[in-house]
Amino acid sequence: MPNGDFESWSSGASSAPDALSLDAGSVAREGTTKTIGSYSMKITGTGGDYPLVTTNIITVEPSTTYTFSSWAYSDVTGNAR
C-alpha cells in the first residue's frame, strides 16, 4: 500500500495521509503511539459515524491471494490508532 508507514502528510497533520481518503470521522497525525516510522494515523468517529479511510491505488490481479495487516491501539472505547 502506498504510504503504508504514514510518513507522508502533504495536506497537513489533520488531513488524511498521502494516498488515503477520509470518508467519515476525523483523522490526525500521531507521533507518540506508533509501530514503524515517525507517525501513526489517529482515526476518530464523529457524530455517531464510524470512521472510514480508503485507498484506490492498490492494483490487484485475479486468482491472487493478498494479505493485509494492521496494528490497532485503543486508549478509549471508540478511538483507534
N, C-alpha and C. Protein backbone atom coordinates (compact mmCIF):
# COMPACT_ATOMS: atom_id res chain seq x y z
N MET A 1 0.85 -1.17 0.00
CA MET A 1 0.00 0.00 0.00
C MET A 1 0.89 1.23 0.00
N PRO A 2 0.66 2.16 -0.92
CA PRO A 2 1.46 3.38 -0.91
C PRO A 2 1.31 4.13 0.42
N ASN A 3 2.41 4.63 0.94
CA ASN A 3 2.45 5.38 2.20
C ASN A 3 1.88 4.57 3.38
N GLY A 4 2.09 3.26 3.35
CA GLY A 4 1.61 2.39 4.41
C GLY A 4 2.25 2.66 5.76
N ASP A 5 3.36 3.38 5.78
CA ASP A 5 4.00 3.74 7.05
C ASP A 5 3.54 5.10 7.57
N PHE A 6 2.63 5.77 6.85
CA PHE A 6 2.03 7.05 7.24
C PHE A 6 3.07 8.16 7.47
N GLU A 7 4.14 8.15 6.69
CA GLU A 7 5.18 9.17 6.82
C GLU A 7 4.87 10.43 6.01
N SER A 8 4.05 10.33 4.97
CA SER A 8 3.79 11.47 4.08
C SER A 8 2.40 12.06 4.34
N TRP A 9 2.37 13.35 4.71
CA TRP A 9 1.13 14.07 5.04
C TRP A 9 1.15 15.43 4.34
N SER A 10 1.21 15.47 3.02
CA SER A 10 1.40 16.73 2.30
C SER A 10 0.23 17.71 2.46
N SER A 11 -0.96 17.23 2.84
CA SER A 11 -2.11 18.13 3.04
C SER A 11 -2.22 18.62 4.47
N GLY A 12 -1.29 18.23 5.32
CA GLY A 12 -1.30 18.68 6.71
C GLY A 12 -1.62 17.57 7.69
N ALA A 13 -1.30 17.82 8.96
CA ALA A 13 -1.42 16.81 10.01
C ALA A 13 -2.85 16.48 10.42
N SER A 14 -3.83 17.26 9.96
CA SER A 14 -5.22 16.95 10.31
C SER A 14 -6.03 16.53 9.08
N SER A 15 -5.33 16.18 8.00
CA SER A 15 -5.96 15.63 6.80
C SER A 15 -5.47 14.20 6.63
N ALA A 16 -6.14 13.43 5.80
CA ALA A 16 -5.71 12.05 5.57
C ALA A 16 -4.29 12.03 5.02
N PRO A 17 -3.49 11.04 5.41
CA PRO A 17 -2.14 10.93 4.87
C PRO A 17 -2.17 10.68 3.36
N ASP A 18 -1.07 10.97 2.70
CA ASP A 18 -0.98 10.79 1.25
C ASP A 18 -1.40 9.38 0.86
N ALA A 19 -2.10 9.26 -0.26
CA ALA A 19 -2.59 8.01 -0.87
C ALA A 19 -3.84 7.46 -0.18
N LEU A 20 -4.37 8.15 0.82
CA LEU A 20 -5.58 7.71 1.51
C LEU A 20 -6.64 8.80 1.47
N SER A 21 -7.90 8.40 1.60
CA SER A 21 -9.02 9.34 1.64
C SER A 21 -9.81 9.12 2.91
N LEU A 22 -10.25 10.19 3.53
CA LEU A 22 -11.10 10.12 4.71
C LEU A 22 -12.54 10.29 4.26
N ASP A 23 -13.36 9.25 4.47
CA ASP A 23 -14.75 9.29 4.03
C ASP A 23 -15.72 9.57 5.18
N ALA A 24 -15.31 9.34 6.42
CA ALA A 24 -16.15 9.63 7.59
C ALA A 24 -15.25 9.73 8.80
N GLY A 25 -15.66 10.53 9.79
CA GLY A 25 -14.86 10.69 11.00
C GLY A 25 -13.79 11.76 10.84
N SER A 26 -12.80 11.71 11.70
CA SER A 26 -11.69 12.65 11.62
C SER A 26 -10.38 11.89 11.74
N VAL A 27 -9.32 12.51 11.25
CA VAL A 27 -8.01 11.88 11.25
C VAL A 27 -6.97 12.90 11.71
N ALA A 28 -5.93 12.42 12.37
CA ALA A 28 -4.83 13.28 12.80
C ALA A 28 -3.52 12.50 12.77
N ARG A 29 -2.45 13.20 12.47
CA ARG A 29 -1.12 12.59 12.54
C ARG A 29 -0.74 12.43 14.00
N GLU A 30 -0.27 11.25 14.37
CA GLU A 30 0.08 10.92 15.76
C GLU A 30 1.55 10.54 15.82
N GLY A 31 2.31 11.22 16.65
CA GLY A 31 3.74 10.95 16.75
C GLY A 31 4.16 10.22 18.01
N THR A 32 3.24 9.97 18.93
CA THR A 32 3.57 9.32 20.19
C THR A 32 3.38 7.80 20.13
N THR A 33 2.22 7.36 19.69
CA THR A 33 1.90 5.94 19.60
C THR A 33 2.10 5.49 18.16
N LYS A 34 3.15 4.72 17.92
CA LYS A 34 3.47 4.28 16.57
C LYS A 34 4.21 2.95 16.61
N THR A 35 4.23 2.26 15.49
CA THR A 35 4.92 0.98 15.41
C THR A 35 6.15 1.08 14.53
N ILE A 36 5.99 1.67 13.34
CA ILE A 36 7.08 1.80 12.38
C ILE A 36 7.15 3.27 11.95
N GLY A 37 8.33 3.84 11.85
CA GLY A 37 8.47 5.20 11.37
C GLY A 37 8.18 6.23 12.45
N SER A 38 7.91 7.45 12.00
CA SER A 38 7.72 8.59 12.91
C SER A 38 6.28 8.84 13.30
N TYR A 39 5.32 8.33 12.50
CA TYR A 39 3.92 8.67 12.73
C TYR A 39 3.01 7.46 12.63
N SER A 40 1.86 7.58 13.26
CA SER A 40 0.73 6.69 13.02
C SER A 40 -0.45 7.57 12.65
N MET A 41 -1.56 6.96 12.31
CA MET A 41 -2.75 7.71 11.95
C MET A 41 -3.80 7.49 13.03
N LYS A 42 -4.23 8.58 13.66
CA LYS A 42 -5.28 8.51 14.67
C LYS A 42 -6.61 8.79 13.98
N ILE A 43 -7.52 7.82 14.04
CA ILE A 43 -8.82 7.94 13.39
C ILE A 43 -9.89 7.97 14.48
N THR A 44 -10.79 8.94 14.41
CA THR A 44 -11.83 9.08 15.42
C THR A 44 -13.19 9.24 14.74
N GLY A 45 -14.19 8.51 15.22
CA GLY A 45 -15.55 8.68 14.72
C GLY A 45 -16.13 9.97 15.26
N THR A 46 -16.96 10.63 14.47
CA THR A 46 -17.59 11.88 14.91
C THR A 46 -19.09 11.80 14.69
N GLY A 47 -19.86 12.31 15.60
CA GLY A 47 -21.30 12.38 15.45
C GLY A 47 -21.98 11.04 15.26
N GLY A 48 -21.45 9.99 15.87
CA GLY A 48 -22.04 8.67 15.74
C GLY A 48 -21.61 7.92 14.49
N ASP A 49 -20.82 8.56 13.61
CA ASP A 49 -20.33 7.88 12.41
C ASP A 49 -19.14 7.00 12.75
N TYR A 50 -19.04 5.88 12.05
CA TYR A 50 -17.84 5.07 12.15
C TYR A 50 -16.81 5.67 11.19
N PRO A 51 -15.56 5.81 11.64
CA PRO A 51 -14.55 6.38 10.75
C PRO A 51 -14.26 5.44 9.58
N LEU A 52 -13.98 6.01 8.43
CA LEU A 52 -13.68 5.22 7.24
C LEU A 52 -12.57 5.89 6.45
N VAL A 53 -11.46 5.18 6.29
CA VAL A 53 -10.34 5.65 5.50
C VAL A 53 -10.14 4.65 4.36
N THR A 54 -10.01 5.14 3.13
CA THR A 54 -9.91 4.26 1.98
C THR A 54 -8.74 4.64 1.09
N THR A 55 -8.35 3.71 0.23
CA THR A 55 -7.38 3.96 -0.83
C THR A 55 -7.84 3.25 -2.08
N ASN A 56 -7.61 3.83 -3.23
CA ASN A 56 -7.97 3.22 -4.51
C ASN A 56 -6.73 2.91 -5.33
N ILE A 57 -5.57 2.96 -4.75
CA ILE A 57 -4.32 2.91 -5.51
C ILE A 57 -3.73 1.51 -5.62
N ILE A 58 -4.29 0.54 -4.96
CA ILE A 58 -3.73 -0.80 -4.96
C ILE A 58 -4.24 -1.56 -6.18
N THR A 59 -3.33 -2.05 -7.01
CA THR A 59 -3.69 -2.85 -8.17
C THR A 59 -3.65 -4.32 -7.77
N VAL A 60 -4.70 -5.03 -8.07
CA VAL A 60 -4.75 -6.46 -7.73
C VAL A 60 -4.90 -7.28 -8.99
N GLU A 61 -4.46 -8.53 -8.92
CA GLU A 61 -4.52 -9.47 -10.03
C GLU A 61 -5.51 -10.58 -9.72
N PRO A 62 -6.25 -11.07 -10.70
CA PRO A 62 -7.18 -12.17 -10.47
C PRO A 62 -6.44 -13.43 -10.01
N SER A 63 -7.10 -14.25 -9.23
CA SER A 63 -6.58 -15.54 -8.75
C SER A 63 -5.32 -15.39 -7.92
N THR A 64 -5.17 -14.26 -7.26
CA THR A 64 -4.00 -14.00 -6.41
C THR A 64 -4.48 -13.70 -5.00
N THR A 65 -3.80 -14.28 -4.02
CA THR A 65 -4.13 -14.03 -2.62
C THR A 65 -3.28 -12.88 -2.10
N TYR A 66 -3.91 -11.95 -1.42
CA TYR A 66 -3.22 -10.82 -0.82
C TYR A 66 -3.45 -10.84 0.68
N THR A 67 -2.45 -10.44 1.43
CA THR A 67 -2.57 -10.39 2.89
C THR A 67 -2.45 -8.93 3.32
N PHE A 68 -3.40 -8.50 4.11
CA PHE A 68 -3.40 -7.15 4.66
C PHE A 68 -3.30 -7.26 6.17
N SER A 69 -2.45 -6.47 6.77
CA SER A 69 -2.36 -6.47 8.23
C SER A 69 -2.25 -5.04 8.72
N SER A 70 -2.60 -4.86 9.97
CA SER A 70 -2.51 -3.53 10.58
C SER A 70 -2.33 -3.68 12.08
N TRP A 71 -1.94 -2.60 12.70
CA TRP A 71 -1.85 -2.51 14.15
C TRP A 71 -2.95 -1.58 14.61
N ALA A 72 -3.56 -1.88 15.72
CA ALA A 72 -4.59 -1.00 16.28
C ALA A 72 -4.32 -0.79 17.75
N TYR A 73 -4.56 0.40 18.22
CA TYR A 73 -4.38 0.76 19.63
C TYR A 73 -5.60 1.56 20.05
N SER A 74 -6.16 1.22 21.18
CA SER A 74 -7.30 1.99 21.69
C SER A 74 -7.03 2.39 23.12
N ASP A 75 -7.05 3.70 23.38
CA ASP A 75 -6.89 4.19 24.76
C ASP A 75 -8.25 4.53 25.38
N VAL A 76 -9.26 4.66 24.53
CA VAL A 76 -10.62 4.94 24.96
C VAL A 76 -11.54 4.18 24.00
N THR A 77 -12.60 3.57 24.50
CA THR A 77 -13.52 2.87 23.64
C THR A 77 -13.99 3.79 22.52
N GLY A 78 -13.89 3.32 21.27
CA GLY A 78 -14.32 4.11 20.14
C GLY A 78 -13.20 4.86 19.45
N ASN A 79 -12.02 4.91 20.06
CA ASN A 79 -10.88 5.59 19.44
C ASN A 79 -9.86 4.52 19.05
N ALA A 80 -9.24 4.66 17.90
CA ALA A 80 -8.22 3.71 17.46
C ALA A 80 -7.10 4.44 16.77
N ARG A 81 -5.88 3.88 16.89
CA ARG A 81 -4.71 4.42 16.20
C ARG A 81 -4.00 3.28 15.54
